[in-house]
Amino acid sequence: MDRIVEFVEYFWSAPDYRLQRSLLLVFLGTLIAQWVVVGLLERVAQRANGGRLYDIWIKLRRPLMALGWVVGLSYALSVVAQSLSHDLRAEISMARRLVVVAVIAWALLRLAKAGEQLWIKSLGGSSAVDIGTVDSLLLVARVLILTGTGVTMLELAGFSLSALVAFGGAGGIAVGLAAKDLMANLFGAVLVRLDRPFSLGDWIRSPDREIEGTVENIGLRLTKIRTFDQRPLYVPNSAFTTISVENPSRMSNRRVYEYVGVRYDDQAVLVKILQDVRKYLEAHEQVDHDRILMVNLDRFGPSSLDFFIYLFTKTTEWADYHRVKEELLLGILEIVSKNKAEIAFPTQTVHLDSLGSEAAPEPGPRPDSARAALPGANRS
């Protein structure tokens, strides 16, 4: 503090105004250099194709101007410090390096933000990379920039990082145990963003847990899912690193797999029914003909001849899928009716033999004759 006061007093009391003139020349030189360099770079950026370079220049203009002033003022202070009884050039040089590092970090942060905006603009809603992934990558970039800046500034200021490393090793165990769940959720959030098993608005469910609904938000610790009964479900992100997740929203088709049973009395027209159903499905515009389509007799049921239909619809939208499925089933019902057949329902047939065809039972012995056959019976 004493050196700063001495510096200011000497500057204002200089008899020959040499220092004032030097500072004025440095100030004017810095101003002119900035005007020339900034103007030249801005013209180059404006003429760039597509305007992307200009967007980056807008983010870097202020840090570059600040960097020019830092260099110019530090040079001016070095000139003044040469006239003092003690040397301040080491302190000025260290301060200049610290400020330069801070300005570079500022420029890198703004450059990362510009890159994020250009990336999102280039997505256009059709890219496989969603906005959430871009935000996560920007967050990682910011953490790396700030961490590197802090470490560099500590080194330039003369602090020994070995003590910090030793302290981190001793206290890291306690902090790690306390923040274990938090770090697991943060790591899960990064994996969800990078692996992208689901995105915002997707319908997901897990066969391992009772999790099913629409994804509304992917946070750093929790993922918010809106269940189908409109209740919010908050799932820790660490859960998604250990469970299986099914994403029906990304299905390419929906499947129709149904059984139809006709009566055994209609077995004579069964082959005709199967042929007509197969032709009907092959001609239907909502059936995906690039995928497998099957119509086959499958089993002899207790009261029906059962055949199945197996196909995929073009639509994946839930309500539209059920409309198409209803239309297909009604069409099959109409085909069965046109062939003078009926859909079977559970029945039982009991066959009874005629009483007249049964043999007459052999007559049994009469009571009197049975009694006469007994030993010691009275004979008359």
Protein backbone atom coordinates (compact mmCIF):
# COMPACT_ATOMS: atom_id res chain seq x y z
CA MET A 1 0.00 0.00 0.00
CA ASP A 2 2.89 2.37 0.80
CA ARG A 3 4.37 1.78 -2.62
CA ILE A 4 1.11 2.62 -4.31
CA VAL A 5 0.83 5.90 -2.35
CA GLU A 6 4.44 6.76 -3.19
CA PHE A 7 3.82 5.96 -6.82
CA VAL A 8 0.79 8.27 -7.04
CA GLU A 9 2.54 11.12 -5.19
CA TYR A 10 5.60 10.92 -7.40
CA PHE A 11 3.48 10.84 -10.53
CA TRP A 12 1.57 14.02 -9.67
CA SER A 13 4.62 15.90 -8.35
CA ALA A 14 6.94 15.22 -11.30
CA PRO A 15 8.45 18.60 -12.19
CA ASP A 16 9.21 18.09 -15.86
CA TYR A 17 5.92 16.37 -16.82
CA ARG A 18 7.93 13.68 -18.55
CA LEU A 19 5.93 10.92 -16.97
CA GLN A 20 2.63 12.59 -17.80
CA ARG A 21 3.67 12.93 -21.41
CA SER A 22 4.77 9.29 -21.54
CA LEU A 23 1.44 8.10 -20.15
CA LEU A 24 -0.44 10.30 -22.59
CA LEU A 25 1.53 8.87 -25.51
CA VAL A 26 0.91 5.32 -24.32
CA PHE A 27 -2.80 6.06 -23.91
CA LEU A 28 -3.07 7.53 -27.40
CA GLY A 29 -1.04 4.71 -28.90
CA THR A 30 -3.25 2.10 -27.25
CA LEU A 31 -6.40 3.88 -28.41
CA ILE A 32 -5.18 4.15 -32.01
CA ALA A 33 -3.99 0.52 -32.07
CA GLN A 34 -7.35 -0.68 -30.78
CA TRP A 35 -9.21 1.43 -33.31
CA VAL A 36 -7.16 0.03 -36.20
CA VAL A 37 -7.12 -3.61 -35.09
CA VAL A 38 -10.76 -3.73 -33.96
CA GLY A 39 -11.98 -2.00 -37.11
CA LEU A 40 -9.99 -4.34 -39.35
CA LEU A 41 -11.22 -7.47 -37.58
CA GLU A 42 -14.80 -6.27 -37.62
CA ARG A 43 -14.73 -5.68 -41.38
CA VAL A 44 -13.29 -9.14 -41.95
CA ALA A 45 -15.97 -10.68 -39.75
CA GLN A 46 -18.79 -8.81 -41.51
CA ARG A 47 -17.65 -10.03 -44.91
CA ALA A 48 -17.43 -13.64 -43.74
CA ASN A 49 -19.85 -16.04 -45.41
CA GLY A 50 -22.92 -16.97 -43.36
CA GLY A 51 -22.25 -14.52 -40.53
CA ARG A 52 -20.85 -17.19 -38.18
CA LEU A 53 -17.47 -15.49 -37.91
CA TYR A 54 -19.23 -12.21 -37.11
CA ASP A 55 -21.15 -13.85 -34.25
CA ILE A 56 -17.87 -15.10 -32.81
CA TRP A 57 -16.31 -11.67 -33.25
CA ILE A 58 -19.17 -10.05 -31.32
CA LYS A 59 -18.35 -12.30 -28.36
CA LEU A 60 -14.60 -11.68 -28.54
CA ARG A 61 -14.60 -7.93 -29.23
CA ARG A 62 -14.90 -6.72 -25.65
CA PRO A 63 -12.28 -9.14 -24.21
CA LEU A 64 -9.84 -8.16 -26.98
CA MET A 65 -10.37 -4.47 -26.25
CA ALA A 66 -9.85 -5.10 -22.53
CA LEU A 67 -6.67 -7.07 -23.31
CA GLY A 68 -5.29 -4.14 -25.32
CA TRP A 69 -5.89 -1.71 -22.48
CA VAL A 70 -4.28 -4.08 -19.97
CA VAL A 71 -1.13 -4.37 -22.07
CA GLY A 72 -0.96 -0.61 -22.73
CA LEU A 73 -1.55 0.47 -19.13
CA SER A 74 0.89 -2.08 -17.72
CA TYR A 75 3.56 -0.76 -20.09
CA ALA A 76 2.82 2.79 -18.99
CA LEU A 77 3.08 1.81 -15.33
CA SER A 78 6.40 0.11 -16.03
CA VAL A 79 7.72 3.36 -17.52
CA VAL A 80 6.68 5.29 -14.42
CA ALA A 81 8.12 2.65 -12.07
CA GLN A 82 11.59 3.07 -13.59
CA SER A 83 11.80 6.58 -12.13
CA LEU A 84 11.14 5.48 -8.54
CA SER A 85 13.76 4.70 -5.94
CA HIS A 86 12.65 1.06 -5.82
CA ASP A 87 11.65 -1.29 -8.58
CA LEU A 88 7.94 -2.08 -9.02
CA ARG A 89 8.35 -3.78 -12.33
CA ALA A 90 8.09 -7.29 -10.82
CA GLU A 91 4.80 -6.47 -9.12
CA ILE A 92 3.46 -4.77 -12.25
CA SER A 93 4.49 -7.75 -14.39
CA MET A 94 2.75 -10.19 -12.03
CA ALA A 95 -0.42 -8.07 -11.96
CA ARG A 96 -0.34 -7.85 -15.76
CA ARG A 97 -0.09 -11.64 -16.07
CA LEU A 98 -2.96 -12.17 -13.65
CA VAL A 99 -5.21 -9.73 -15.47
CA VAL A 100 -4.26 -11.19 -18.85
CA VAL A 101 -5.17 -14.70 -17.64
CA ALA A 102 -8.50 -13.40 -16.33
CA VAL A 103 -9.25 -11.65 -19.64
CA ILE A 104 -8.36 -14.80 -21.61
CA ALA A 105 -10.69 -16.83 -19.39
CA TRP A 106 -13.42 -14.26 -20.01
CA ALA A 107 -12.85 -14.55 -23.75
CA LEU A 108 -12.97 -18.35 -23.61
CA LEU A 109 -16.25 -18.31 -21.69
CA ARG A 110 -17.82 -15.95 -24.23
CA LEU A 111 -16.40 -18.06 -27.06
CA ALA A 112 -17.98 -21.19 -25.54
CA LYS A 113 -21.31 -19.39 -25.34
CA ALA A 114 -21.02 -18.34 -28.98
CA GLY A 115 -20.22 -21.92 -29.95
CA GLU A 116 -23.31 -23.12 -28.10
CA GLN A 117 -25.54 -20.65 -29.92
CA LEU A 118 -24.08 -21.57 -33.31
CA TRP A 119 -24.49 -25.30 -32.56
CA ILE A 120 -28.12 -24.89 -31.50
CA LYS A 121 -28.79 -22.79 -34.59
CA SER A 122 -27.25 -25.46 -36.81
CA LEU A 123 -29.44 -28.21 -35.30
CA GLY A 124 -32.59 -26.87 -36.91
CA GLY A 125 -34.78 -29.36 -35.00
CA SER A 126 -33.60 -32.30 -37.13
CA SER A 127 -30.28 -33.26 -35.58
CA ALA A 128 -29.79 -36.27 -33.35
CA VAL A 129 -28.12 -34.01 -30.76
CA ASP A 130 -30.62 -32.22 -28.55
CA ILE A 131 -30.30 -28.88 -26.79
CA GLY A 132 -29.84 -30.58 -23.43
CA THR A 133 -26.68 -32.27 -24.64
CA VAL A 134 -25.30 -28.94 -25.87
CA ASP A 135 -26.05 -27.34 -22.49
CA SER A 136 -24.27 -30.16 -20.66
CA LEU A 137 -21.18 -29.84 -22.85
CA LEU A 138 -21.17 -26.07 -22.28
CA LEU A 139 -21.36 -26.65 -18.52
CA VAL A 140 -18.38 -29.00 -18.66
CA ALA A 141 -16.43 -26.47 -20.75
CA ARG A 142 -17.16 -23.70 -18.24
CA VAL A 143 -16.01 -25.83 -15.31
CA LEU A 144 -12.77 -26.71 -17.10
CA ILE A 145 -12.08 -23.08 -18.05
CA LEU A 146 -12.72 -21.75 -14.54
CA THR A 147 -10.71 -24.53 -12.93
CA GLY A 148 -7.75 -23.99 -15.25
CA THR A 149 -7.92 -20.24 -14.72
CA GLY A 150 -7.94 -20.59 -10.94
CA VAL A 151 -4.97 -22.96 -10.91
CA THR A 152 -2.98 -20.74 -13.31
CA MET A 153 -3.63 -17.58 -11.29
CA LEU A 154 -2.58 -19.29 -8.05
CA GLU A 155 0.66 -20.38 -9.68
CA LEU A 156 1.34 -16.88 -11.01
CA ALA A 157 0.62 -15.35 -7.59
CA GLY A 158 3.29 -17.56 -6.02
CA PHE A 159 1.08 -19.97 -4.09
CA SER A 160 2.34 -23.51 -3.73
CA LEU A 161 -0.17 -26.00 -5.05
CA SER A 162 1.47 -28.91 -3.20
CA ALA A 163 -0.16 -27.77 0.06
CA LEU A 164 -3.52 -27.56 -1.66
CA VAL A 165 -3.05 -31.04 -3.09
CA ALA A 166 -2.12 -32.40 0.32
CA PHE A 167 -5.15 -30.74 1.90
CA GLY A 168 -7.34 -32.10 -0.86
CA GLY A 169 -6.00 -35.60 -0.29
CA ALA A 170 -6.67 -35.43 3.46
CA GLY A 171 -10.09 -33.82 3.24
CA GLY A 172 -11.13 -35.41 -0.01
CA ILE A 173 -12.14 -38.64 1.69
CA ALA A 174 -14.59 -36.93 4.04
CA VAL A 175 -15.96 -34.70 1.30
CA GLY A 176 -16.24 -37.65 -1.07
CA LEU A 177 -18.22 -39.71 1.43
CA ALA A 178 -20.53 -36.80 2.17
CA ALA A 179 -21.09 -35.99 -1.50
CA LYS A 180 -21.13 -39.56 -2.82
CA ASP A 181 -24.79 -39.51 -3.81
CA LEU A 182 -24.52 -36.01 -5.24
CA MET A 183 -21.56 -36.96 -7.42
CA ALA A 184 -23.32 -40.15 -8.53
CA ASN A 185 -26.33 -38.11 -9.65
CA LEU A 186 -24.11 -35.59 -11.44
CA PHE A 187 -22.28 -38.41 -13.20
CA GLY A 188 -25.64 -39.97 -14.12
CA ALA A 189 -26.81 -36.65 -15.57
CA VAL A 190 -23.68 -36.44 -17.75
CA LEU A 191 -24.19 -40.01 -18.99
CA VAL A 192 -27.85 -39.36 -19.78
CA ARG A 193 -26.86 -36.26 -21.76
CA LEU A 194 -24.10 -38.03 -23.67
CA ASP A 195 -25.66 -41.47 -24.24
CA ARG A 196 -29.12 -39.97 -24.85
CA PRO A 197 -31.33 -42.96 -23.94
CA PHE A 198 -34.14 -40.41 -23.82
CA SER A 199 -34.78 -36.72 -24.41
CA LEU A 200 -37.27 -34.13 -23.25
CA GLY A 201 -40.81 -35.12 -24.22
CA ASP A 202 -40.03 -38.83 -24.65
CA TRP A 203 -42.25 -41.52 -23.19
CA ILE A 204 -40.05 -43.91 -21.22
CA ARG A 205 -40.54 -46.86 -18.91
CA SER A 206 -38.30 -49.25 -17.03
CA PRO A 207 -38.93 -52.99 -16.69
CA ASP A 208 -36.72 -52.93 -13.57
CA ARG A 209 -38.56 -50.19 -11.68
CA GLU A 210 -42.07 -48.79 -11.60
CA ILE A 211 -41.06 -45.87 -13.81
CA GLU A 212 -43.24 -44.84 -16.73
CA GLY A 213 -44.22 -41.47 -18.11
CA THR A 214 -43.12 -38.47 -20.16
CA VAL A 215 -39.76 -36.79 -19.50
CA GLU A 216 -40.27 -33.12 -18.57
CA ASN A 217 -36.88 -32.08 -17.26
CA ILE A 218 -33.35 -33.52 -16.99
CA GLY A 219 -31.59 -31.75 -14.14
CA LEU A 220 -28.14 -32.16 -12.65
CA ARG A 221 -29.48 -34.27 -9.79
CA LEU A 222 -33.02 -35.36 -10.69
CA THR A 223 -35.02 -36.19 -13.79
CA LYS A 224 -38.68 -35.15 -13.68
CA ILE A 225 -41.13 -37.58 -15.27
CA ARG A 226 -44.87 -36.91 -15.66
CA THR A 227 -46.78 -40.17 -15.19
CA PHE A 228 -49.90 -40.93 -17.21
CA ASP A 229 -52.12 -40.06 -14.26
CA GLN A 230 -50.44 -36.60 -14.32
CA ARG A 231 -48.40 -37.03 -11.16
CA PRO A 232 -44.79 -35.81 -11.16
CA LEU A 233 -42.16 -38.49 -10.56
CA TYR A 234 -38.64 -37.39 -9.59
CA VAL A 235 -35.96 -40.00 -10.30
CA PRO A 236 -32.31 -39.58 -9.21
CA ASN A 237 -30.05 -39.56 -12.24
CA SER A 238 -27.83 -42.24 -10.69
CA ALA A 239 -30.70 -44.72 -11.15
CA PHE A 240 -30.37 -44.54 -14.92
CA THR A 241 -26.83 -45.97 -14.72
CA THR A 242 -28.08 -49.24 -13.22
CA ILE A 243 -31.54 -49.88 -14.72
CA SER A 244 -32.84 -50.73 -18.16
CA VAL A 245 -34.82 -48.00 -19.89
CA GLU A 246 -37.31 -48.60 -22.68
CA ASN A 247 -38.13 -45.66 -24.95
CA PRO A 248 -41.38 -46.32 -26.83
CA SER A 249 -41.28 -42.79 -28.26
CA ARG A 250 -38.49 -43.87 -30.62
CA MET A 251 -40.25 -46.90 -32.05
CA SER A 252 -40.46 -46.95 -35.83
CA ASN A 253 -43.74 -48.90 -35.97
CA ARG A 254 -46.45 -50.26 -33.73
CA ARG A 255 -47.33 -53.94 -33.81
CA VAL A 256 -50.74 -55.59 -34.17
CA TYR A 257 -50.77 -59.18 -32.91
CA GLU A 258 -54.30 -60.55 -32.49
CA TYR A 259 -56.06 -63.92 -32.56
CA VAL A 260 -59.39 -64.51 -34.32
CA GLY A 261 -61.42 -67.69 -33.76
CA VAL A 262 -64.12 -69.07 -36.07
CA ARG A 263 -66.48 -71.98 -35.41
CA TYR A 264 -65.57 -75.56 -36.20
CA ASP A 265 -68.75 -75.62 -38.33
CA ASP A 266 -67.05 -73.08 -40.65
CA GLN A 267 -63.97 -75.13 -41.38
CA ALA A 268 -65.01 -75.50 -45.01
CA VAL A 269 -64.56 -71.76 -45.67
CA LEU A 270 -61.55 -71.24 -43.37
CA VAL A 271 -59.01 -71.26 -46.21
CA LYS A 272 -61.07 -68.67 -48.10
CA ILE A 273 -61.26 -66.48 -44.98
CA LEU A 274 -57.49 -66.60 -44.52
CA GLN A 275 -56.89 -65.66 -48.16
CA ASP A 276 -59.35 -62.75 -48.02
CA VAL A 277 -57.88 -61.43 -44.76
CA ARG A 278 -54.35 -61.62 -46.18
CA LYS A 279 -55.37 -59.71 -49.32
CA TYR A 280 -57.19 -57.10 -47.23
CA LEU A 281 -54.18 -56.45 -45.03
CA GLU A 282 -51.73 -56.38 -47.96
CA ALA A 283 -53.84 -53.69 -49.63
CA HIS A 284 -54.41 -51.54 -46.55
CA GLU A 285 -52.59 -48.19 -46.72
CA GLN A 286 -51.89 -47.97 -42.98
CA VAL A 287 -50.02 -51.30 -42.87
CA ASP A 288 -46.23 -51.14 -43.31
CA HIS A 289 -45.62 -53.57 -46.17
CA ASP A 290 -41.85 -53.36 -45.77
CA ARG A 291 -42.16 -55.38 -42.57
CA ILE A 292 -43.40 -58.87 -41.92
CA LEU A 293 -47.12 -59.60 -42.35
CA MET A 294 -48.55 -62.96 -41.30
CA VAL A 295 -52.05 -64.50 -41.38
CA ASN A 296 -52.01 -68.18 -40.43
CA LEU A 297 -54.06 -70.83 -38.70
CA ASP A 298 -52.32 -71.40 -35.39
CA ARG A 299 -54.24 -73.80 -33.18
CA PHE A 300 -57.33 -75.89 -32.62
CA GLY A 301 -58.99 -74.22 -29.68
CA PRO A 302 -61.53 -75.84 -27.32
CA SER A 303 -64.41 -74.22 -29.20
CA SER A 304 -62.82 -72.45 -32.20
CA LEU A 305 -60.33 -72.62 -35.03
CA ASP A 306 -57.86 -69.86 -34.13
CA PHE A 307 -55.79 -67.91 -36.65
CA PHE A 308 -53.58 -64.93 -35.89
CA ILE A 309 -52.71 -61.68 -37.66
CA TYR A 310 -49.23 -60.22 -37.20
CA LEU A 311 -48.32 -56.87 -38.78
CA PHE A 312 -46.89 -53.42 -38.16
CA THR A 313 -48.66 -50.11 -38.66
CA LYS A 314 -47.05 -47.06 -40.20
CA THR A 315 -48.18 -44.78 -37.41
CA THR A 316 -46.57 -44.73 -33.97
CA GLU A 317 -48.94 -42.21 -32.41
CA TRP A 318 -50.95 -43.91 -29.65
CA ALA A 319 -54.45 -42.70 -30.49
CA ASP A 320 -53.98 -43.06 -34.26
CA TYR A 321 -52.63 -46.59 -33.78
CA HIS A 322 -55.79 -47.68 -31.98
CA ARG A 323 -57.93 -46.12 -34.70
CA VAL A 324 -56.05 -48.13 -37.35
CA LYS A 325 -56.22 -51.31 -35.27
CA GLU A 326 -59.98 -50.89 -34.84
CA GLU A 327 -60.40 -50.42 -38.59
CA LEU A 328 -58.42 -53.60 -39.31
CA LEU A 329 -60.37 -55.72 -36.84
CA LEU A 330 -63.71 -54.48 -38.16
CA GLY A 331 -62.56 -55.30 -41.70
CA ILE A 332 -61.65 -58.85 -40.63
CA LEU A 333 -65.03 -59.23 -38.94
CA GLU A 334 -66.72 -58.19 -42.18
CA ILE A 335 -64.70 -60.75 -44.17
CA VAL A 336 -65.76 -63.53 -41.80
CA SER A 337 -69.39 -62.48 -42.16
CA LYS A 338 -69.19 -62.35 -45.99
CA ASN A 339 -68.00 -65.94 -46.05
CA LYS A 340 -71.14 -67.04 -44.14
CA ALA A 341 -69.07 -67.79 -41.08
CA GLU A 342 -69.24 -66.59 -37.51
CA ILE A 343 -66.82 -65.67 -34.78
CA ALA A 344 -66.77 -68.49 -32.25
CA PHE A 345 -67.59 -68.09 -28.61
CA PRO A 346 -66.97 -70.62 -25.80
CA THR A 347 -69.40 -73.54 -26.16
CA GLN A 348 -69.66 -77.18 -25.07
CA THR A 349 -71.43 -80.06 -26.82
CA VAL A 350 -72.65 -83.03 -24.74
CA HIS A 351 -73.35 -86.30 -26.60
CA LEU A 352 -75.88 -88.66 -24.90
CA ASP A 353 -76.47 -92.30 -26.05
CA SER A 354 -80.07 -93.50 -26.54
CA LEU A 355 -81.56 -95.48 -23.66
CA GLY A 356 -83.13 -98.02 -26.04
CA SER A 357 -79.79 -99.15 -27.33
CA GLU A 358 -78.58 -100.14 -23.91
CA ALA A 359 -78.73 -103.91 -23.03
CA ALA A 360 -81.33 -105.01 -20.45
CA PRO A 361 -79.75 -105.94 -17.17
CA GLU A 362 -79.64 -109.58 -16.14
CA PRO A 363 -82.43 -110.38 -13.60
CA GLY A 364 -81.08 -111.13 -10.18
CA PRO A 365 -82.06 -114.12 -8.01
CA ARG A 366 -85.41 -114.01 -6.32
CA PRO A 367 -85.45 -113.75 -2.57
CA ASP A 368 -87.17 -117.11 -2.11
CA SER A 369 -84.72 -119.06 -4.24
CA ALA A 370 -81.84 -117.30 -2.59
CA ARG A 371 -83.15 -118.25 0.79
CA ALA A 372 -83.72 -121.90 -0.32
CA ALA A 373 -80.11 -122.13 -1.39
CA LEU A 374 -78.84 -121.31 2.05
CA PRO A 375 -77.64 -124.27 4.17
CA GLY A 376 -80.16 -125.41 6.76
CA ALA A 377 -83.07 -123.78 5.06
CA ASN A 378 -86.51 -125.44 5.43
CA ARG A 379 -87.58 -127.22 2.28
CA SER A 380 -91.27 -127.71 1.48
